[in-house]
N, C-alpha and C. Protein backbone atom coordinates (compact mmCIF):
# COMPACT_ATOMS: atom_id res chain seq x y z
N MET A 1 2.22 -19.94 0.48
CA MET A 1 1.55 -19.45 1.66
C MET A 1 2.53 -18.71 2.58
N ALA A 2 3.78 -19.11 2.54
CA ALA A 2 4.78 -18.47 3.40
C ALA A 2 4.95 -17.00 3.04
N SER A 3 5.00 -16.67 1.75
CA SER A 3 5.17 -15.27 1.36
C SER A 3 3.93 -14.45 1.70
N PHE A 4 2.76 -15.08 1.67
CA PHE A 4 1.52 -14.40 2.05
C PHE A 4 1.58 -14.00 3.53
N LYS A 5 2.04 -14.91 4.37
CA LYS A 5 2.18 -14.61 5.80
C LYS A 5 3.27 -13.58 6.03
N GLN A 6 4.35 -13.65 5.25
CA GLN A 6 5.43 -12.67 5.38
C GLN A 6 4.95 -11.28 4.99
N ALA A 7 4.06 -11.20 4.00
CA ALA A 7 3.52 -9.90 3.57
C ALA A 7 2.75 -9.26 4.71
N ALA A 8 1.95 -10.07 5.41
CA ALA A 8 1.19 -9.54 6.54
C ALA A 8 2.12 -9.06 7.65
N SER A 9 3.14 -9.84 7.93
CA SER A 9 4.11 -9.45 8.95
C SER A 9 4.86 -8.19 8.56
N LEU A 10 5.26 -8.10 7.31
CA LEU A 10 5.97 -6.93 6.81
C LEU A 10 5.11 -5.67 6.90
N TYR A 11 3.85 -5.80 6.50
CA TYR A 11 2.95 -4.64 6.55
C TYR A 11 2.78 -4.15 7.99
N GLU A 12 2.63 -5.07 8.92
CA GLU A 12 2.49 -4.69 10.33
C GLU A 12 3.75 -3.98 10.84
N ARG A 13 4.91 -4.46 10.43
CA ARG A 13 6.17 -3.80 10.84
C ARG A 13 6.26 -2.40 10.24
N ILE A 14 5.85 -2.24 9.00
CA ILE A 14 5.87 -0.92 8.36
C ILE A 14 4.98 0.04 9.13
N LEU A 15 3.79 -0.42 9.51
CA LEU A 15 2.88 0.42 10.29
C LEU A 15 3.52 0.86 11.60
N ARG A 16 4.20 -0.07 12.27
CA ARG A 16 4.85 0.28 13.54
C ARG A 16 5.97 1.29 13.34
N VAL A 17 6.80 1.06 12.33
CA VAL A 17 7.94 1.95 12.09
C VAL A 17 7.46 3.34 11.69
N LYS A 18 6.45 3.39 10.84
CA LYS A 18 5.92 4.69 10.38
C LYS A 18 5.01 5.33 11.42
N ASP A 19 4.61 4.54 12.44
CA ASP A 19 3.69 5.00 13.47
C ASP A 19 2.41 5.55 12.85
N LYS A 20 1.84 4.73 11.96
CA LYS A 20 0.62 5.11 11.26
C LYS A 20 -0.37 3.96 11.33
N ALA A 21 -1.64 4.29 11.10
CA ALA A 21 -2.69 3.27 11.06
C ALA A 21 -2.82 2.69 9.65
N TRP A 22 -2.30 3.42 8.65
CA TRP A 22 -2.40 2.99 7.25
C TRP A 22 -1.23 3.54 6.47
N VAL A 23 -0.71 2.76 5.56
CA VAL A 23 0.32 3.23 4.63
C VAL A 23 -0.09 2.84 3.22
N PRO A 24 0.25 3.67 2.24
CA PRO A 24 -0.14 3.35 0.87
C PRO A 24 0.65 2.16 0.34
N CYS A 25 -0.06 1.19 -0.20
CA CYS A 25 0.60 0.04 -0.81
C CYS A 25 -0.41 -0.69 -1.70
N VAL A 26 0.08 -1.64 -2.44
CA VAL A 26 -0.76 -2.50 -3.27
C VAL A 26 -0.35 -3.93 -2.95
N LEU A 27 -1.32 -4.77 -2.62
CA LEU A 27 -1.06 -6.18 -2.36
C LEU A 27 -1.11 -6.91 -3.70
N VAL A 28 -0.03 -7.61 -4.03
CA VAL A 28 0.08 -8.27 -5.33
C VAL A 28 0.30 -9.76 -5.16
N GLY A 29 -0.56 -10.53 -5.81
CA GLY A 29 -0.38 -11.97 -5.87
C GLY A 29 0.25 -12.31 -7.21
N ASN A 30 1.29 -13.13 -7.21
CA ASN A 30 2.01 -13.45 -8.44
C ASN A 30 1.71 -14.89 -8.86
N LYS A 31 2.07 -15.19 -10.08
CA LYS A 31 1.91 -16.52 -10.68
C LYS A 31 0.46 -16.94 -10.79
N CYS A 32 -0.41 -16.01 -11.17
CA CYS A 32 -1.83 -16.35 -11.31
C CYS A 32 -2.06 -17.30 -12.49
N ASP A 33 -1.05 -17.47 -13.35
CA ASP A 33 -1.17 -18.41 -14.47
C ASP A 33 -1.04 -19.86 -14.02
N LEU A 34 -0.58 -20.09 -12.80
CA LEU A 34 -0.41 -21.45 -12.27
C LEU A 34 -1.56 -21.78 -11.33
N GLU A 35 -2.76 -21.78 -11.86
CA GLU A 35 -3.97 -21.97 -11.06
C GLU A 35 -3.95 -23.28 -10.27
N HIS A 36 -3.43 -24.34 -10.85
CA HIS A 36 -3.42 -25.64 -10.18
C HIS A 36 -2.42 -25.70 -9.02
N ASP A 37 -1.44 -24.80 -8.98
CA ASP A 37 -0.45 -24.77 -7.90
C ASP A 37 -0.75 -23.69 -6.86
N ARG A 38 -1.90 -23.09 -6.96
CA ARG A 38 -2.27 -21.97 -6.10
C ARG A 38 -2.27 -22.37 -4.63
N GLU A 39 -1.63 -21.55 -3.80
CA GLU A 39 -1.62 -21.78 -2.36
C GLU A 39 -2.51 -20.77 -1.62
N VAL A 40 -2.73 -19.61 -2.25
CA VAL A 40 -3.56 -18.57 -1.66
C VAL A 40 -4.71 -18.28 -2.61
N ASP A 41 -5.92 -18.41 -2.13
CA ASP A 41 -7.10 -18.14 -2.96
C ASP A 41 -7.22 -16.64 -3.22
N THR A 42 -7.85 -16.32 -4.33
CA THR A 42 -8.13 -14.92 -4.65
C THR A 42 -8.92 -14.28 -3.52
N GLU A 43 -9.85 -15.03 -2.96
CA GLU A 43 -10.67 -14.52 -1.87
C GLU A 43 -9.82 -14.13 -0.65
N GLU A 44 -8.81 -14.94 -0.34
CA GLU A 44 -7.92 -14.63 0.79
C GLU A 44 -7.15 -13.33 0.53
N GLY A 45 -6.66 -13.18 -0.70
CA GLY A 45 -5.96 -11.95 -1.05
C GLY A 45 -6.85 -10.74 -0.96
N ASN A 46 -8.07 -10.88 -1.48
CA ASN A 46 -9.03 -9.78 -1.41
C ASN A 46 -9.39 -9.42 0.02
N MET A 47 -9.55 -10.44 0.86
CA MET A 47 -9.89 -10.18 2.26
C MET A 47 -8.77 -9.42 2.98
N LEU A 48 -7.53 -9.83 2.75
CA LEU A 48 -6.40 -9.14 3.38
C LEU A 48 -6.30 -7.70 2.86
N ALA A 49 -6.48 -7.53 1.57
CA ALA A 49 -6.42 -6.18 0.99
C ALA A 49 -7.54 -5.30 1.55
N GLN A 50 -8.72 -5.86 1.74
CA GLN A 50 -9.81 -5.08 2.34
C GLN A 50 -9.49 -4.72 3.78
N LYS A 51 -8.89 -5.65 4.49
CA LYS A 51 -8.50 -5.38 5.89
C LYS A 51 -7.51 -4.21 5.94
N TRP A 52 -6.58 -4.19 5.00
CA TRP A 52 -5.58 -3.11 4.95
C TRP A 52 -6.10 -1.86 4.24
N ASN A 53 -7.24 -1.97 3.58
CA ASN A 53 -7.81 -0.88 2.77
C ASN A 53 -6.87 -0.48 1.63
N VAL A 54 -6.40 -1.51 0.91
CA VAL A 54 -5.51 -1.31 -0.23
C VAL A 54 -6.02 -2.14 -1.40
N PRO A 55 -5.60 -1.82 -2.62
CA PRO A 55 -5.99 -2.63 -3.78
C PRO A 55 -5.28 -3.99 -3.78
N TYR A 56 -5.92 -4.97 -4.40
CA TYR A 56 -5.32 -6.30 -4.59
C TYR A 56 -5.31 -6.61 -6.08
N VAL A 57 -4.17 -7.05 -6.57
CA VAL A 57 -4.01 -7.39 -7.99
C VAL A 57 -3.30 -8.73 -8.08
N GLU A 58 -3.78 -9.59 -8.97
CA GLU A 58 -3.09 -10.85 -9.24
C GLU A 58 -2.39 -10.72 -10.58
N THR A 59 -1.13 -11.13 -10.62
CA THR A 59 -0.32 -10.97 -11.82
C THR A 59 0.34 -12.27 -12.24
N SER A 60 0.88 -12.23 -13.44
CA SER A 60 1.73 -13.31 -13.93
C SER A 60 2.90 -12.66 -14.66
N ALA A 61 4.08 -12.86 -14.15
CA ALA A 61 5.27 -12.32 -14.82
C ALA A 61 5.50 -13.05 -16.14
N LYS A 62 5.14 -14.32 -16.17
CA LYS A 62 5.35 -15.13 -17.38
C LYS A 62 4.49 -14.64 -18.55
N THR A 63 3.21 -14.37 -18.29
CA THR A 63 2.29 -13.93 -19.35
C THR A 63 2.10 -12.41 -19.36
N ARG A 64 2.70 -11.72 -18.40
CA ARG A 64 2.57 -10.27 -18.21
C ARG A 64 1.14 -9.83 -17.89
N HIS A 65 0.33 -10.77 -17.41
CA HIS A 65 -1.04 -10.46 -17.03
C HIS A 65 -1.05 -9.49 -15.85
N ASN A 66 -1.67 -8.35 -16.01
CA ASN A 66 -1.83 -7.32 -14.97
C ASN A 66 -0.53 -6.68 -14.49
N VAL A 67 0.57 -6.88 -15.19
CA VAL A 67 1.84 -6.27 -14.75
C VAL A 67 1.78 -4.75 -14.88
N ASP A 68 1.41 -4.26 -16.05
CA ASP A 68 1.32 -2.82 -16.25
C ASP A 68 0.25 -2.20 -15.36
N GLN A 69 -0.87 -2.90 -15.19
CA GLN A 69 -1.94 -2.39 -14.34
C GLN A 69 -1.49 -2.27 -12.89
N THR A 70 -0.62 -3.18 -12.47
CA THR A 70 -0.12 -3.12 -11.09
C THR A 70 0.71 -1.86 -10.86
N PHE A 71 1.57 -1.54 -11.80
CA PHE A 71 2.36 -0.31 -11.67
C PHE A 71 1.46 0.92 -11.70
N SER A 72 0.46 0.90 -12.56
CA SER A 72 -0.49 2.02 -12.61
C SER A 72 -1.23 2.16 -11.28
N GLU A 73 -1.61 1.04 -10.71
CA GLU A 73 -2.30 1.06 -9.42
C GLU A 73 -1.41 1.62 -8.32
N CYS A 74 -0.13 1.27 -8.35
CA CYS A 74 0.82 1.83 -7.38
C CYS A 74 0.88 3.35 -7.49
N VAL A 75 0.94 3.85 -8.70
CA VAL A 75 0.99 5.30 -8.92
C VAL A 75 -0.29 5.95 -8.40
N ARG A 76 -1.44 5.33 -8.68
CA ARG A 76 -2.72 5.88 -8.20
C ARG A 76 -2.76 5.95 -6.68
N VAL A 77 -2.29 4.90 -6.02
CA VAL A 77 -2.32 4.86 -4.56
C VAL A 77 -1.40 5.93 -3.98
N VAL A 78 -0.22 6.07 -4.53
CA VAL A 78 0.72 7.08 -4.04
C VAL A 78 0.17 8.49 -4.27
N ARG A 79 -0.38 8.74 -5.45
CA ARG A 79 -0.96 10.07 -5.74
C ARG A 79 -2.13 10.38 -4.81
N LYS A 80 -2.99 9.39 -4.59
CA LYS A 80 -4.13 9.58 -3.70
C LYS A 80 -3.65 9.91 -2.29
N ASN A 81 -2.65 9.17 -1.82
CA ASN A 81 -2.10 9.43 -0.48
C ASN A 81 -1.48 10.81 -0.40
N PHE A 82 -0.76 11.21 -1.44
CA PHE A 82 -0.14 12.53 -1.45
C PHE A 82 -1.20 13.62 -1.39
N ALA A 83 -2.29 13.44 -2.14
CA ALA A 83 -3.38 14.42 -2.14
C ALA A 83 -4.04 14.50 -0.76
N LEU A 84 -4.25 13.35 -0.13
CA LEU A 84 -4.84 13.32 1.20
C LEU A 84 -3.95 14.00 2.22
N GLU A 85 -2.65 13.71 2.17
CA GLU A 85 -1.72 14.33 3.12
C GLU A 85 -1.63 15.83 2.89
N SER A 86 -1.66 16.26 1.64
CA SER A 86 -1.60 17.69 1.33
C SER A 86 -2.85 18.39 1.85
N ALA A 87 -4.01 17.77 1.67
CA ALA A 87 -5.26 18.35 2.15
C ALA A 87 -5.28 18.42 3.66
N ASN A 88 -4.80 17.37 4.31
CA ASN A 88 -4.77 17.36 5.78
C ASN A 88 -3.80 18.39 6.33
N SER A 89 -2.66 18.56 5.70
CA SER A 89 -1.69 19.53 6.20
C SER A 89 -2.17 20.96 5.96
N ALA A 90 -2.98 21.17 4.93
CA ALA A 90 -3.51 22.51 4.66
C ALA A 90 -4.55 22.89 5.71
N LYS A 91 -5.24 21.89 6.29
CA LYS A 91 -6.27 22.16 7.29
C LYS A 91 -5.68 22.46 8.65
N LYS A 92 -4.49 21.98 8.92
CA LYS A 92 -3.88 22.17 10.24
C LYS A 92 -3.30 23.58 10.34
N PRO A 93 -3.60 24.27 11.42
CA PRO A 93 -3.02 25.60 11.59
C PRO A 93 -1.52 25.49 11.87
N ILE A 94 -0.79 26.42 11.34
CA ILE A 94 0.66 26.44 11.55
C ILE A 94 0.92 27.09 12.90
N LYS A 95 1.60 26.37 13.75
CA LYS A 95 1.92 26.88 15.08
C LYS A 95 3.24 27.63 15.02
N LYS A 96 3.20 28.85 15.51
CA LYS A 96 4.44 29.62 15.56
C LYS A 96 5.15 29.30 16.87
N LYS A 97 6.43 29.08 16.75
CA LYS A 97 7.22 28.81 17.94
C LYS A 97 7.66 30.14 18.54
N LYS A 98 7.45 30.27 19.82
CA LYS A 98 7.77 31.52 20.51
C LYS A 98 9.23 31.53 20.89
N GLY A 99 9.83 32.71 20.83
CA GLY A 99 11.18 32.88 21.29
C GLY A 99 12.26 32.55 20.27
N LEU A 100 11.85 32.24 19.04
CA LEU A 100 12.83 31.94 18.01
C LEU A 100 12.89 33.08 17.00
N CYS A 101 14.05 33.32 16.48
CA CYS A 101 14.23 34.35 15.48
C CYS A 101 13.95 33.80 14.09
N THR A 102 13.46 34.65 13.23
CA THR A 102 13.28 34.29 11.84
C THR A 102 14.26 35.09 11.03
N ILE A 103 15.10 34.44 10.27
CA ILE A 103 16.08 35.13 9.44
C ILE A 103 15.60 35.06 8.01
N LEU A 104 15.49 36.20 7.38
CA LEU A 104 15.01 36.24 6.00
C LEU A 104 16.15 36.48 5.06
């Protein structure tokens, strides 16, 4: 449970440092093979991921369950964010600064 709370704290700090309302990430729960030792329910992970608007994946390093899928999900999130930022920057008009020289 401590790492779950640390993840929330870390995400909030990232938002503050980046000065953004959202940053691309994937919330990952590990050791899903140890069901009897579970401290965070799948529902709790899903709820936090929905709050952050990010994917949630449960993995097991021991059995390699969802390990490759997690990396694929990371790539998808980063690509989606890059496409969104590119589209947003294309919509913004470029402001010319007055009084500056352009050297070609």
